[in-house]
PDB file of N, CA and C in Angstrom:
ATOM      1  N   MET A   1       0.740  -1.225  -0.036  1.00  0.00           N
ATOM      2  CA  MET A   1       0.050  -0.129   0.047  1.00  0.00           C
ATOM      3  C   MET A   1       0.843   1.188  -0.043  1.00  0.00           C
ATOM      4  N   ASN A   2       0.639   2.263  -0.848  1.00  0.00           N
ATOM      5  CA  ASN A   2       1.330   3.234  -0.830  1.00  0.00           C
ATOM      6  C   ASN A   2       0.816   4.414   0.065  1.00  0.00           C
ATOM      7  N   TYR A   3       1.651   5.257   0.810  1.00  0.00           N
ATOM      8  CA  TYR A   3       1.157   6.276   1.625  1.00  0.00           C
ATOM      9  C   TYR A   3       1.709   7.518   0.898  1.00  0.00           C
ATOM     10  N   TYR A   4       0.884   8.608   0.982  1.00  0.00           N
ATOM     11  CA  TYR A   4       1.078   9.867   0.364  1.00  0.00           C
ATOM     12  C   TYR A   4       1.115  10.831   1.611  1.00  0.00           C
ATOM     13  N   ALA A   5       2.093  11.811   1.359  1.00  0.00           N
ATOM     14  CA  ALA A   5       2.133  12.716   2.369  1.00  0.00           C
ATOM     15  C   ALA A   5       2.265  14.250   2.024  1.00  0.00           C
ATOM     16  N   CYS A   6       1.917  15.075   2.978  1.00  0.00           N
ATOM     17  CA  CYS A   6       1.726  16.438   2.691  1.00  0.00           C
ATOM     18  C   CYS A   6       2.367  16.964   4.253  1.00  0.00           C
ATOM     19  N   SER A   7       3.096  18.174   3.821  1.00  0.00           N
ATOM     20  CA  SER A   7       3.891  18.678   5.075  1.00  0.00           C
ATOM     21  C   SER A   7       3.653  20.373   4.981  1.00  0.00           C
ATOM     22  N   PHE A   8       3.566  20.648   6.251  1.00  0.00           N
ATOM     23  CA  PHE A   8       3.464  21.920   6.516  1.00  0.00           C
ATOM     24  C   PHE A   8       4.523  22.729   7.269  1.00  0.00           C
ATOM     25  N   PHE A   9       5.270  23.506   6.755  1.00  0.00           N
ATOM     26  CA  PHE A   9       6.365  24.220   7.447  1.00  0.00           C
ATOM     27  C   PHE A   9       6.369  25.639   7.070  1.00  0.00           C
ATOM     28  N   GLY A  10       5.592  26.372   7.675  1.00  0.00           N
ATOM     29  CA  GLY A  10       5.267  27.722   6.899  1.00  0.00           C
ATOM     30  C   GLY A  10       5.622  28.829   7.709  1.00  0.00           C
ATOM     31  N   HIS A  11       4.915  29.927   7.479  1.00  0.00           N
ATOM     32  CA  HIS A  11       5.512  31.348   7.855  1.00  0.00           C
ATOM     33  C   HIS A  11       4.955  31.401   9.419  1.00  0.00           C
ATOM     34  N   LYS A  12       5.875  32.173  10.305  1.00  0.00           N
ATOM     35  CA  LYS A  12       5.505  32.555  11.532  1.00  0.00           C
ATOM     36  C   LYS A  12       4.239  33.263  11.422  1.00  0.00           C
ATOM     37  N   GLU A  13       4.287  34.265  10.881  1.00  0.00           N
ATOM     38  CA  GLU A  13       3.140  35.277  10.993  1.00  0.00           C
ATOM     39  C   GLU A  13       2.412  35.238   9.674  1.00  0.00           C
ATOM     40  N   ILE A  14       1.117  35.277   9.543  1.00  0.00           N
ATOM     41  CA  ILE A  14       0.278  35.280   8.376  1.00  0.00           C
ATOM     42  C   ILE A  14      -1.183  35.893   8.699  1.00  0.00           C
ATOM     43  N   LYS A  15      -1.766  36.278   7.865  1.00  0.00           N
ATOM     44  CA  LYS A  15      -3.082  36.823   8.157  1.00  0.00           C
ATOM     45  C   LYS A  15      -4.174  35.923   7.881  1.00  0.00           C
ATOM     46  N   ILE A  16      -4.612  35.280   8.849  1.00  0.00           N
ATOM     47  CA  ILE A  16      -5.775  34.322   8.715  1.00  0.00           C
ATOM     48  C   ILE A  16      -7.033  34.755   8.278  1.00  0.00           C
ATOM     49  N   THR A  17      -7.661  34.398   7.183  1.00  0.00           N
ATOM     50  CA  THR A  17      -9.114  34.993   6.810  1.00  0.00           C
ATOM     51  C   THR A  17      -9.894  33.580   6.737  1.00  0.00           C
ATOM     52  N   ASN A  18     -11.150  33.891   6.592  1.00  0.00           N
ATOM     53  CA  ASN A  18     -12.084  32.950   6.329  1.00  0.00           C
ATOM     54  C   ASN A  18     -12.031  32.199   4.946  1.00  0.00           C
ATOM     55  N   GLU A  19     -11.411  33.200   3.982  1.00  0.00           N
ATOM     56  CA  GLU A  19     -11.219  32.680   2.641  1.00  0.00           C
ATOM     57  C   GLU A  19      -9.997  31.743   2.621  1.00  0.00           C
ATOM     58  N   LEU A  20      -8.947  32.033   3.317  1.00  0.00           N
ATOM     59  CA  LEU A  20      -7.882  31.338   3.491  1.00  0.00           C
ATOM     60  C   LEU A  20      -8.127  29.918   3.950  1.00  0.00           C
ATOM     61  N   ARG A  21      -8.868  29.835   5.096  1.00  0.00           N
ATOM     62  CA  ARG A  21      -9.230  28.670   6.040  1.00  0.00           C
ATOM     63  C   ARG A  21     -10.085  27.981   5.029  1.00  0.00           C
ATOM     64  N   LYS A  22     -10.949  28.352   4.285  1.00  0.00           N
ATOM     65  CA  LYS A  22     -11.991  27.569   3.389  1.00  0.00           C
ATOM     66  C   LYS A  22     -11.092  27.034   2.162  1.00  0.00           C
ATOM     67  N   LYS A  23     -10.140  27.778   1.557  1.00  0.00           N
ATOM     68  CA  LYS A  23      -9.115  27.377   0.451  1.00  0.00           C
ATOM     69  C   LYS A  23      -8.544  26.083   0.935  1.00  0.00           C
ATOM     70  N   LEU A  24      -7.820  26.165   2.131  1.00  0.00           N
ATOM     71  CA  LEU A  24      -7.122  25.259   2.607  1.00  0.00           C
ATOM     72  C   LEU A  24      -7.846  23.987   2.981  1.00  0.00           C
ATOM     73  N   LYS A  25      -9.079  24.000   3.602  1.00  0.00           N
ATOM     74  CA  LYS A  25      -9.829  23.020   3.892  1.00  0.00           C
ATOM     75  C   LYS A  25     -10.295  22.382   2.526  1.00  0.00           C
ATOM     76  N   GLU A  26     -10.563  22.851   1.362  1.00  0.00           N
ATOM     77  CA  GLU A  26     -10.949  22.318   0.084  1.00  0.00           C
ATOM     78  C   GLU A  26      -9.799  21.758  -0.336  1.00  0.00           C
ATOM     79  N   LYS A  27      -8.640  22.152  -0.454  1.00  0.00           N
ATOM     80  CA  LYS A  27      -7.540  21.510  -0.962  1.00  0.00           C
ATOM     81  C   LYS A  27      -7.006  20.322  -0.181  1.00  0.00           C
ATOM     82  N   LEU A  28      -7.125  20.387   1.295  1.00  0.00           N
ATOM     83  CA  LEU A  28      -6.748  19.224   1.883  1.00  0.00           C
ATOM     84  C   LEU A  28      -7.832  18.080   1.802  1.00  0.00           C
ATOM     85  N   SER A  29      -9.040  18.370   1.790  1.00  0.00           N
ATOM     86  CA  SER A  29     -10.112  17.529   1.549  1.00  0.00           C
ATOM     87  C   SER A  29      -9.695  17.009   0.199  1.00  0.00           C
ATOM     88  N   TYR A  30      -9.375  17.623  -0.902  1.00  0.00           N
ATOM     89  CA  TYR A  30      -9.108  17.007  -2.177  1.00  0.00           C
ATOM     90  C   TYR A  30      -8.039  16.158  -2.098  1.00  0.00           C
ATOM     91  N   LEU A  31      -6.918  16.443  -1.488  1.00  0.00           N
ATOM     92  CA  LEU A  31      -5.557  15.842  -1.458  1.00  0.00           C
ATOM     93  C   LEU A  31      -6.094  14.371  -0.620  1.00  0.00           C
ATOM     94  N   ILE A  32      -6.950  14.281   0.353  1.00  0.00           N
ATOM     95  CA  ILE A  32      -7.111  13.098   1.028  1.00  0.00           C
ATOM     96  C   ILE A  32      -8.036  12.233   0.282  1.00  0.00           C
ATOM     97  N   LYS A  33      -8.999  12.751  -0.462  1.00  0.00           N
ATOM     98  CA  LYS A  33     -10.272  11.940  -1.300  1.00  0.00           C
ATOM     99  C   LYS A  33      -9.505  11.506  -2.747  1.00  0.00           C
ATOM    100  N   MET A  34      -8.768  12.415  -3.331  1.00  0.00           N
ATOM    101  CA  MET A  34      -8.500  12.285  -4.610  1.00  0.00           C
ATOM    102  C   MET A  34      -7.034  11.882  -4.920  1.00  0.00           C
ATOM    103  N   LYS A  35      -6.216  12.230  -4.003  1.00  0.00           N
ATOM    104  CA  LYS A  35      -4.763  11.930  -4.069  1.00  0.00           C
ATOM    105  C   LYS A  35      -4.144  10.849  -3.037  1.00  0.00           C
ATOM    106  N   SER A  36      -5.033  10.443  -2.143  1.00  0.00           N
ATOM    107  CA  SER A  36      -4.826   9.322  -1.300  1.00  0.00           C
ATOM    108  C   SER A  36      -3.655   9.571  -0.332  1.00  0.00           C
ATOM    109  N   VAL A  37      -3.760  11.280   0.040  1.00  0.00           N
ATOM    110  CA  VAL A  37      -2.844  11.592   1.251  1.00  0.00           C
ATOM    111  C   VAL A  37      -3.403  11.194   2.533  1.00  0.00           C
ATOM    112  N   SER A  38      -2.597  10.625   3.383  1.00  0.00           N
ATOM    113  CA  SER A  38      -2.986  10.342   4.601  1.00  0.00           C
ATOM    114  C   SER A  38      -1.959  10.448   5.711  1.00  0.00           C
ATOM    115  N   LEU A  39      -0.876  10.931   5.337  1.00  0.00           N
ATOM    116  CA  LEU A  39       0.083  11.644   6.268  1.00  0.00           C
ATOM    117  C   LEU A  39       0.270  12.896   6.216  1.00  0.00           C
ATOM    118  N   PHE A  40       0.149  13.833   7.358  1.00  0.00           N
ATOM    119  CA  PHE A  40       0.489  15.216   7.263  1.00  0.00           C
ATOM    120  C   PHE A  40       1.420  15.497   8.459  1.00  0.00           C
ATOM    121  N   TYR A  41       2.597  16.090   8.115  1.00  0.00           N
ATOM    122  CA  TYR A  41       3.677  16.305   8.737  1.00  0.00           C
ATOM    123  C   TYR A  41       3.670  17.998   9.039  1.00  0.00           C
ATOM    124  N   PHE A  42       4.044  18.332  10.333  1.00  0.00           N
ATOM    125  CA  PHE A  42       3.845  19.583  11.010  1.00  0.00           C
ATOM    126  C   PHE A  42       5.259  19.934  11.498  1.00  0.00           C
ATOM    127  N   GLY A  43       5.530  21.194  11.230  1.00  0.00           N
ATOM    128  CA  GLY A  43       6.841  21.841  11.914  1.00  0.00           C
ATOM    129  C   GLY A  43       6.647  22.348  13.163  1.00  0.00           C
ATOM    130  N   GLY A  44       5.362  22.994  13.283  1.00  0.00           N
ATOM    131  CA  GLY A  44       4.846  23.629  14.721  1.00  0.00           C
ATOM    132  C   GLY A  44       5.455  24.900  15.068  1.00  0.00           C
ATOM    133  N   PHE A  45       5.715  25.668  13.944  1.00  0.00           N
ATOM    134  CA  PHE A  45       6.306  26.936  14.213  1.00  0.00           C
ATOM    135  C   PHE A  45       5.505  28.101  13.469  1.00  0.00           C
ATOM    136  N   GLY A  46       4.742  28.907  14.118  1.00  0.00           N
ATOM    137  CA  GLY A  46       3.884  29.937  13.432  1.00  0.00           C
ATOM    138  C   GLY A  46       2.609  29.669  13.245  1.00  0.00           C
ATOM    139  N   ASN A  47       1.743  30.679  12.817  1.00  0.00           N
ATOM    140  CA  ASN A  47       0.345  30.728  12.364  1.00  0.00           C
ATOM    141  C   ASN A  47       0.038  29.850  11.391  1.00  0.00           C
ATOM    142  N   PHE A  48       0.866  29.656  10.463  1.00  0.00           N
ATOM    143  CA  PHE A  48       0.404  28.727   9.091  1.00  0.00           C
ATOM    144  C   PHE A  48       0.307  27.455   9.524  1.00  0.00           C
ATOM    145  N   ASP A  49       1.533  26.905  10.483  1.00  0.00           N
ATOM    146  CA  ASP A  49       1.558  25.388  10.984  1.00  0.00           C
ATOM    147  C   ASP A  49       0.296  25.132  11.763  1.00  0.00           C
ATOM    148  N   ASP A  50      -0.013  26.329  12.682  1.00  0.00           N
ATOM    149  CA  ASP A  50      -1.371  25.964  13.464  1.00  0.00           C
ATOM    150  C   ASP A  50      -2.486  26.049  12.722  1.00  0.00           C
ATOM    151  N   LEU A  51      -2.863  26.904  11.813  1.00  0.00           N
ATOM    152  CA  LEU A  51      -3.715  26.852  11.057  1.00  0.00           C
ATOM    153  C   LEU A  51      -4.195  25.504  10.383  1.00  0.00           C
ATOM    154  N   CYS A  52      -2.908  25.000   9.558  1.00  0.00           N
ATOM    155  CA  CYS A  52      -3.024  23.692   8.908  1.00  0.00           C
ATOM    156  C   CYS A  52      -3.417  22.472  10.067  1.00  0.00           C
ATOM    157  N   TRP A  53      -2.802  22.561  11.223  1.00  0.00           N
ATOM    158  CA  TRP A  53      -3.109  21.599  12.202  1.00  0.00           C
ATOM    159  C   TRP A  53      -4.496  21.617  12.590  1.00  0.00           C
ATOM    160  N   GLN A  54      -4.990  22.802  12.835  1.00  0.00           N
ATOM    161  CA  GLN A  54      -6.537  22.884  13.035  1.00  0.00           C
ATOM    162  C   GLN A  54      -7.443  22.305  12.041  1.00  0.00           C
ATOM    163  N   ILE A  55      -7.050  22.470  10.886  1.00  0.00           N
ATOM    164  CA  ILE A  55      -8.133  22.152   9.652  1.00  0.00           C
ATOM    165  C   ILE A  55      -7.849  20.743   9.455  1.00  0.00           C
ATOM    166  N   VAL A  56      -6.663  20.196   9.593  1.00  0.00           N
ATOM    167  CA  VAL A  56      -6.331  18.558   9.490  1.00  0.00           C
ATOM    168  C   VAL A  56      -6.985  17.986  10.623  1.00  0.00           C
ATOM    169  N   THR A  57      -7.041  18.636  11.958  1.00  0.00           N
ATOM    170  CA  THR A  57      -7.722  18.001  13.062  1.00  0.00           C
ATOM    171  C   THR A  57      -9.172  17.754  12.834  1.00  0.00           C
ATOM    172  N   GLU A  58      -9.668  19.005  11.963  1.00  0.00           N
ATOM    173  CA  GLU A  58     -11.147  18.965  11.755  1.00  0.00           C
ATOM    174  C   GLU A  58     -11.491  17.822  10.734  1.00  0.00           C
ATOM    175  N   LEU A  59     -10.620  17.726   9.907  1.00  0.00           N
ATOM    176  CA  LEU A  59     -10.888  16.842   8.647  1.00  0.00           C
ATOM    177  C   LEU A  59     -10.724  15.166   9.115  1.00  0.00           C
ATOM    178  N   LYS A  60      -9.939  15.259  10.350  1.00  0.00           N
ATOM    179  CA  LYS A  60      -9.847  13.794  10.866  1.00  0.00           C
ATOM    180  C   LYS A  60     -10.983  13.238  11.424  1.00  0.00           C
ATOM    181  N   GLU A  61     -12.139  14.227  11.731  1.00  0.00           N
ATOM    182  CA  GLU A  61     -13.364  13.660  12.195  1.00  0.00           C
ATOM    183  C   GLU A  61     -14.123  12.923  10.934  1.00  0.00           C
ATOM    184  N   THR A  62     -14.080  13.384   9.672  1.00  0.00           N
ATOM    185  CA  THR A  62     -14.459  12.804   8.579  1.00  0.00           C
ATOM    186  C   THR A  62     -13.519  11.621   7.969  1.00  0.00           C
ATOM    187  N   PHE A  63     -12.273  11.652   8.156  1.00  0.00           N
ATOM    188  CA  PHE A  63     -11.304  10.789   7.713  1.00  0.00           C
ATOM    189  C   PHE A  63     -10.510  10.398   8.805  1.00  0.00           C
ATOM    190  N   PRO A  64     -10.813   9.517   9.483  1.00  0.00           N
ATOM    191  CA  PRO A  64     -10.125   9.180  10.744  1.00  0.00           C
ATOM    192  C   PRO A  64      -8.941   8.229  10.598  1.00  0.00           C
ATOM    193  N   PHE A  65      -8.715   7.774   9.326  1.00  0.00           N
ATOM    194  CA  PHE A  65      -7.506   7.141   8.893  1.00  0.00           C
ATOM    195  C   PHE A  65      -6.197   8.100   8.676  1.00  0.00           C
ATOM    196  N   ILE A  66      -6.302   9.517   8.630  1.00  0.00           N
ATOM    197  CA  ILE A  66      -5.421  10.210   8.426  1.00  0.00           C
ATOM    198  C   ILE A  66      -4.597  10.471   9.799  1.00  0.00           C
ATOM    199  N   LYS A  67      -3.119  10.577   9.593  1.00  0.00           N
ATOM    200  CA  LYS A  67      -2.276  10.695  10.810  1.00  0.00           C
ATOM    201  C   LYS A  67      -1.450  12.007  10.781  1.00  0.00           C
ATOM    202  N   ARG A  68      -1.598  12.748  11.856  1.00  0.00           N
ATOM    203  CA  ARG A  68      -0.809  14.023  12.104  1.00  0.00           C
ATOM    204  C   ARG A  68       0.393  13.712  12.762  1.00  0.00           C
ATOM    205  N   ILE A  69       1.500  13.927  12.126  1.00  0.00           N
ATOM    206  CA  ILE A  69       2.728  13.749  12.513  1.00  0.00           C
ATOM    207  C   ILE A  69       3.772  15.062  12.880  1.00  0.00           C
ATOM    208  N   PHE A  70       4.138  15.033  14.089  1.00  0.00           N
ATOM    209  CA  PHE A  70       5.028  16.433  14.505  1.00  0.00           C
ATOM    210  C   PHE A  70       6.381  15.833  14.191  1.00  0.00           C
ATOM    211  N   CYS A  71       7.294  16.868  13.397  1.00  0.00           N
ATOM    212  CA  CYS A  71       8.697  16.635  13.136  1.00  0.00           C
ATOM    213  C   CYS A  71       9.549  17.534  14.271  1.00  0.00           C
ATOM    214  N   LEU A  72       9.983  16.865  15.181  1.00  0.00           N
ATOM    215  CA  LEU A  72      10.959  17.417  16.152  1.00  0.00           C
ATOM    216  C   LEU A  72      12.209  17.781  15.556  1.00  0.00           C
ATOM    217  N   SER A  73      12.844  18.834  16.095  1.00  0.00           N
ATOM    218  CA  SER A  73      14.085  19.568  15.568  1.00  0.00           C
ATOM    219  C   SER A  73      15.107  19.417  16.676  1.00  0.00           C
ATOM    220  N   ASP A  74      14.793  18.911  17.842  1.00  0.00           N
ATOM    221  CA  ASP A  74      15.756  18.882  18.901  1.00  0.00           C
ATOM    222  C   ASP A  74      15.797  17.390  19.194  1.00  0.00           C
ATOM    223  N   PRO A  75      16.855  16.869  19.055  1.00  0.00           N
ATOM    224  CA  PRO A  75      17.145  15.344  19.553  1.00  0.00           C
ATOM    225  C   PRO A  75      16.565  15.084  21.222  1.00  0.00           C
ATOM    226  N   ARG A  76      16.663  16.108  21.800  1.00  0.00           N
ATOM    227  CA  ARG A  76      16.189  15.766  23.236  1.00  0.00           C
ATOM    228  C   ARG A  76      14.659  15.808  23.477  1.00  0.00           C
ATOM    229  N   HIS A  77      13.946  16.125  22.476  1.00  0.00           N
ATOM    230  CA  HIS A  77      12.468  15.936  22.558  1.00  0.00           C
ATOM    231  C   HIS A  77      11.999  14.680  21.967  1.00  0.00           C
ATOM    232  N   GLN A  78      13.126  13.811  21.691  1.00  0.00           N
ATOM    233  CA  GLN A  78      12.729  12.459  21.499  1.00  0.00           C
ATOM    234  C   GLN A  78      12.020  11.750  22.487  1.00  0.00           C
ATOM    235  N   ARG A  79      12.458  12.160  23.775  1.00  0.00           N
ATOM    236  CA  ARG A  79      12.094  11.608  24.887  1.00  0.00           C
ATOM    237  C   ARG A  79      10.768  12.487  25.525  1.00  0.00           C
ATOM    238  N   VAL A  80       9.743  11.714  25.714  1.00  0.00           N
ATOM    239  CA  VAL A  80       8.530  12.630  25.932  1.00  0.00           C
ATOM    240  C   VAL A  80       8.570  13.438  27.127  1.00  0.00           C
ATOM    241  N   THR A  81       9.362  13.143  28.205  1.00  0.00           N
ATOM    242  CA  THR A  81       9.638  13.995  29.259  1.00  0.00           C
ATOM    243  C   THR A  81      10.246  15.234  28.879  1.00  0.00           C
ATOM    244  N   LYS A  82      11.056  15.396  27.955  1.00  0.00           N
ATOM    245  CA  LYS A  82      11.955  16.471  27.513  1.00  0.00           C
ATOM    246  C   LYS A  82      11.291  17.387  26.361  1.00  0.00           C
ATOM    247  N   ARG A  83       9.681  16.941  26.092  1.00  0.00           N
ATOM    248  CA  ARG A  83       9.222  17.828  25.058  1.00  0.00           C
ATOM    249  C   ARG A  83       8.573  19.133  25.820  1.00  0.00           C
ATOM    250  N   PRO A  84       8.386  20.013  24.965  1.00  0.00           N
ATOM    251  CA  PRO A  84       7.943  21.193  25.542  1.00  0.00           C
ATOM    252  C   PRO A  84       6.436  20.981  25.860  1.00  0.00           C
ATOM    253  N   LYS A  85       5.989  21.792  26.956  1.00  0.00           N
ATOM    254  CA  LYS A  85       4.789  21.307  27.612  1.00  0.00           C
ATOM    255  C   LYS A  85       3.552  21.733  26.501  1.00  0.00           C
ATOM    256  N   TRP A  86       3.713  22.455  25.497  1.00  0.00           N
ATOM    257  CA  TRP A  86       2.460  22.633  24.581  1.00  0.00           C
ATOM    258  C   TRP A  86       2.536  21.641  23.638  1.00  0.00           C
ATOM    259  N   LEU A  87       3.482  20.732  23.468  1.00  0.00           N
ATOM    260  CA  LEU A  87       3.486  19.674  22.553  1.00  0.00           C
ATOM    261  C   LEU A  87       2.825  18.420  23.213  1.00  0.00           C
ATOM    262  N   LYS A  88       1.547  18.023  22.838  1.00  0.00           N
ATOM    263  CA  LYS A  88       0.917  17.180  23.624  1.00  0.00           C
ATOM    264  C   LYS A  88       0.511  15.793  22.608  1.00  0.00           C
ATOM    265  N   ASP A  89       0.933  14.720  23.435  1.00  0.00           N
ATOM    266  CA  ASP A  89       0.772  13.388  22.647  1.00  0.00           C
ATOM    267  C   ASP A  89      -0.591  13.347  22.072  1.00  0.00           C
ATOM    268  N   GLU A  90      -1.719  13.919  22.539  1.00  0.00           N
ATOM    269  CA  GLU A  90      -2.989  13.656  22.126  1.00  0.00           C
ATOM    270  C   GLU A  90      -3.343  14.390  20.759  1.00  0.00           C
ATOM    271  N   ASP A  91      -2.375  15.254  20.534  1.00  0.00           N
ATOM    272  CA  ASP A  91      -2.597  16.298  19.362  1.00  0.00           C
ATOM    273  C   ASP A  91      -1.888  15.607  18.008  1.00  0.00           C
ATOM    274  N   PHE A  92      -1.290  14.534  18.194  1.00  0.00           N
ATOM    275  CA  PHE A  92      -0.558  13.849  16.973  1.00  0.00           C
ATOM    276  C   PHE A  92      -0.571  12.382  17.143  1.00  0.00           C
ATOM    277  N   GLU A  93      -0.614  11.749  16.094  1.00  0.00           N
ATOM    278  CA  GLU A  93      -0.383  10.268  15.974  1.00  0.00           C
ATOM    279  C   GLU A  93       0.862   9.802  16.092  1.00  0.00           C
ATOM    280  N   ASP A  94       1.769  10.773  15.507  1.00  0.00           N
ATOM    281  CA  ASP A  94       3.252  10.200  15.818  1.00  0.00           C
ATOM    282  C   ASP A  94       4.114  11.410  16.000  1.00  0.00           C
ATOM    283  N   PHE A  95       5.437  11.166  16.250  1.00  0.00           N
ATOM    284  CA  PHE A  95       6.366  12.230  16.359  1.00  0.00           C
ATOM    285  C   PHE A  95       7.712  11.671  15.837  1.00  0.00           C
ATOM    286  N   ILE A  96       8.276  12.390  14.942  1.00  0.00           N
ATOM    287  CA  ILE A  96       9.643  11.811  14.188  1.00  0.00           C
ATOM    288  C   ILE A  96      10.619  13.009  14.452  1.00  0.00           C
ATOM    289  N   TYR A  97      11.916  12.551  14.439  1.00  0.00           N
ATOM    290  CA  TYR A  97      12.982  13.458  14.571  1.00  0.00           C
ATOM    291  C   TYR A  97      13.973  13.496  13.348  1.00  0.00           C
ATOM    292  N   SER A  98      14.037  14.632  12.809  1.00  0.00           N
ATOM    293  CA  SER A  98      15.035  14.644  11.635  1.00  0.00           C
ATOM    294  C   SER A  98      16.358  15.194  12.148  1.00  0.00           C
ATOM    295  N   ASP A  99      17.315  14.546  11.929  1.00  0.00           N
ATOM    296  CA  ASP A  99      18.598  14.748  12.482  1.00  0.00           C
ATOM    297  C   ASP A  99      19.361  15.843  11.764  1.00  0.00           C
ATOM    298  N   LEU A 100      20.520  16.327  12.087  1.00  0.00           N
ATOM    299  CA  LEU A 100      21.009  17.695  11.541  1.00  0.00           C
ATOM    300  C   LEU A 100      21.263  17.423  10.076  1.00  0.00           C
ATOM    301  N   LYS A 101      21.384  16.377   9.561  1.00  0.00           N
ATOM    302  CA  LYS A 101      21.410  16.077   8.001  1.00  0.00           C
ATOM    303  C   LYS A 101      20.368  16.535   7.109  1.00  0.00           C
ATOM    304  N   PHE A 102      19.316  16.563   7.911  1.00  0.00           N
ATOM    305  CA  PHE A 102      17.881  17.034   7.149  1.00  0.00           C
ATOM    306  C   PHE A 102      18.227  18.494   6.939  1.00  0.00           C
ATOM    307  N   ASP A 103      17.881  18.893   5.480  1.00  0.00           N
ATOM    308  CA  ASP A 103      17.954  20.110   5.242  1.00  0.00           C
ATOM    309  C   ASP A 103      16.509  20.653   4.817  1.00  0.00           C
ATOM    310  N   TYR A 104      16.180  21.710   5.716  1.00  0.00           N
ATOM    311  CA  TYR A 104      14.907  22.257   5.488  1.00  0.00           C
ATOM    312  C   TYR A 104      14.762  22.881   4.100  1.00  0.00           C
TER     313      TYR A 104
END
């Protein structure tokens, strides 16, 4: 089985409008339904990443098979006890760490 992914590593500050939210939700729904995207990777830095997480979380109610994956950038955060307090296990299905060889 093939798994297709979408990643969000966006801008810290963006103007969130109803139109932007609507377009993102439409595009993400399309990716899930028509392109079999089921993995969503988040960087967790800024308004864009937060908005995308919110929309993917909403879509998870309709498409429970999709997975929200947080990409850790600090090796210490691989240990649950060392993660920032705002990073909660229940907000993601998985956490991965990309080592320093990973080039954003």
